Amino acid sequence: MDNLQYYIENTRAFKQFQVDELLFAEFKRPAQEEDNSIWWHNNFFAFMVSGKTMLQTQHQTYTLETGDCAFAKKGSVSVNT
């Protein structure tokens, strides 16, 4: 699994700004044929501008589609794109 937060923080490919320890980033991920799981080492809030993704918890899978938002505690979900 890839650590998405580390990747966003260390590349200039995304629009981003930071306030204290709070990172805001516009993350665009092209559609891929293979499933890739990514994770965060901090809490996160996600808003789906377009497309869809799946959040997998230990007990359930949630699908986020355009216009949906979610908050997740660190370590509670993996994201399958």
Protein backbone atom coordinates (compact mmCIF):
# COMPACT_ATOMS: atom_id res chain seq x y z
CA MET A 1 0.00 0.00 0.00
CA ASP A 2 1.13 3.53 -0.76
CA ASN A 3 1.10 6.34 1.82
CA LEU A 4 -0.83 8.98 -0.10
CA GLN A 5 -0.16 11.81 2.33
CA TYR A 6 3.61 11.35 2.06
CA TYR A 7 3.33 11.30 -1.73
CA ILE A 8 1.22 14.49 -1.88
CA GLU A 9 3.48 16.36 0.55
CA ASN A 10 6.61 15.51 -1.45
CA THR A 11 5.49 16.30 -4.99
CA ARG A 12 4.47 19.48 -6.81
CA ALA A 13 1.92 17.62 -8.95
CA PHE A 14 -1.06 18.73 -6.81
CA LYS A 15 -2.50 22.07 -5.80
CA GLN A 16 -1.99 22.26 -2.05
CA PHE A 17 -1.60 24.52 0.93
CA GLN A 18 -0.95 23.91 4.58
CA VAL A 19 -2.18 25.69 7.73
CA ASP A 20 -0.15 24.59 10.73
CA GLU A 21 -0.35 20.80 10.50
CA LEU A 22 -3.52 20.76 8.36
CA LEU A 23 -2.87 19.87 4.71
CA PHE A 24 -5.34 20.75 1.95
CA ALA A 25 -4.69 19.15 -1.43
CA GLU A 26 -6.48 18.66 -4.72
CA PHE A 27 -5.69 15.07 -5.62
CA LYS A 28 -6.47 13.83 -9.11
CA ARG A 29 -5.88 10.18 -9.82
CA PRO A 30 -6.34 8.84 -13.34
CA ALA A 31 -8.51 5.77 -13.81
CA GLN A 32 -6.42 2.61 -13.79
CA GLU A 33 -7.24 -0.96 -14.68
CA GLU A 34 -5.59 -2.42 -11.61
CA ASP A 35 -6.72 -1.85 -8.02
CA ASN A 36 -4.33 0.14 -5.88
CA SER A 37 -4.75 0.47 -2.14
CA ILE A 38 -3.59 3.64 -0.43
CA TRP A 39 -3.56 4.69 3.22
CA TRP A 40 -3.00 7.74 5.44
CA HIS A 41 -1.04 7.99 8.67
CA ASN A 42 -3.31 10.83 9.88
CA ASN A 43 -7.05 11.52 10.05
CA PHE A 44 -8.48 12.73 6.75
CA PHE A 45 -11.51 14.41 5.22
CA ALA A 46 -12.30 13.65 1.56
CA PHE A 47 -14.72 15.32 -0.83
CA MET A 48 -15.32 13.64 -4.19
CA VAL A 49 -15.35 16.29 -6.92
CA SER A 50 -15.83 13.65 -9.61
CA GLY A 51 -15.52 9.91 -10.11
CA LYS A 52 -15.85 7.33 -7.37
CA THR A 53 -13.70 5.40 -4.93
CA MET A 54 -14.20 2.76 -2.25
CA LEU A 55 -13.29 3.06 1.43
CA GLN A 56 -12.68 -0.31 3.08
CA THR A 57 -12.97 -0.67 6.85
CA GLN A 58 -12.43 -3.83 8.82
CA HIS A 59 -16.18 -4.54 8.71
CA GLN A 60 -17.68 -2.73 5.71
CA THR A 61 -17.04 -1.16 2.30
CA TYR A 62 -18.30 2.34 1.49
CA THR A 63 -18.51 3.78 -2.03
CA LEU A 64 -17.93 7.51 -2.41
CA GLU A 65 -19.26 9.10 -5.58
CA THR A 66 -19.32 12.65 -6.96
CA GLY A 67 -20.54 15.07 -4.27
CA ASP A 68 -20.00 12.66 -1.35
CA CYS A 69 -17.67 13.40 1.54
CA ALA A 70 -16.17 11.34 4.34
CA PHE A 71 -14.06 11.71 7.46
CA ALA A 72 -11.87 8.82 8.57
CA LYS A 73 -9.62 8.30 11.56
CA LYS A 74 -6.06 7.25 10.88
CA GLY A 75 -5.65 3.55 10.32
CA SER A 76 -9.39 2.92 10.05
CA VAL A 77 -9.69 2.60 6.27
CA SER A 78 -7.83 1.76 3.12
CA VAL A 79 -8.89 3.37 -0.13
CA ASN A 80 -9.23 1.36 -3.32
CA THR A 81 -9.19 3.42 -6.49
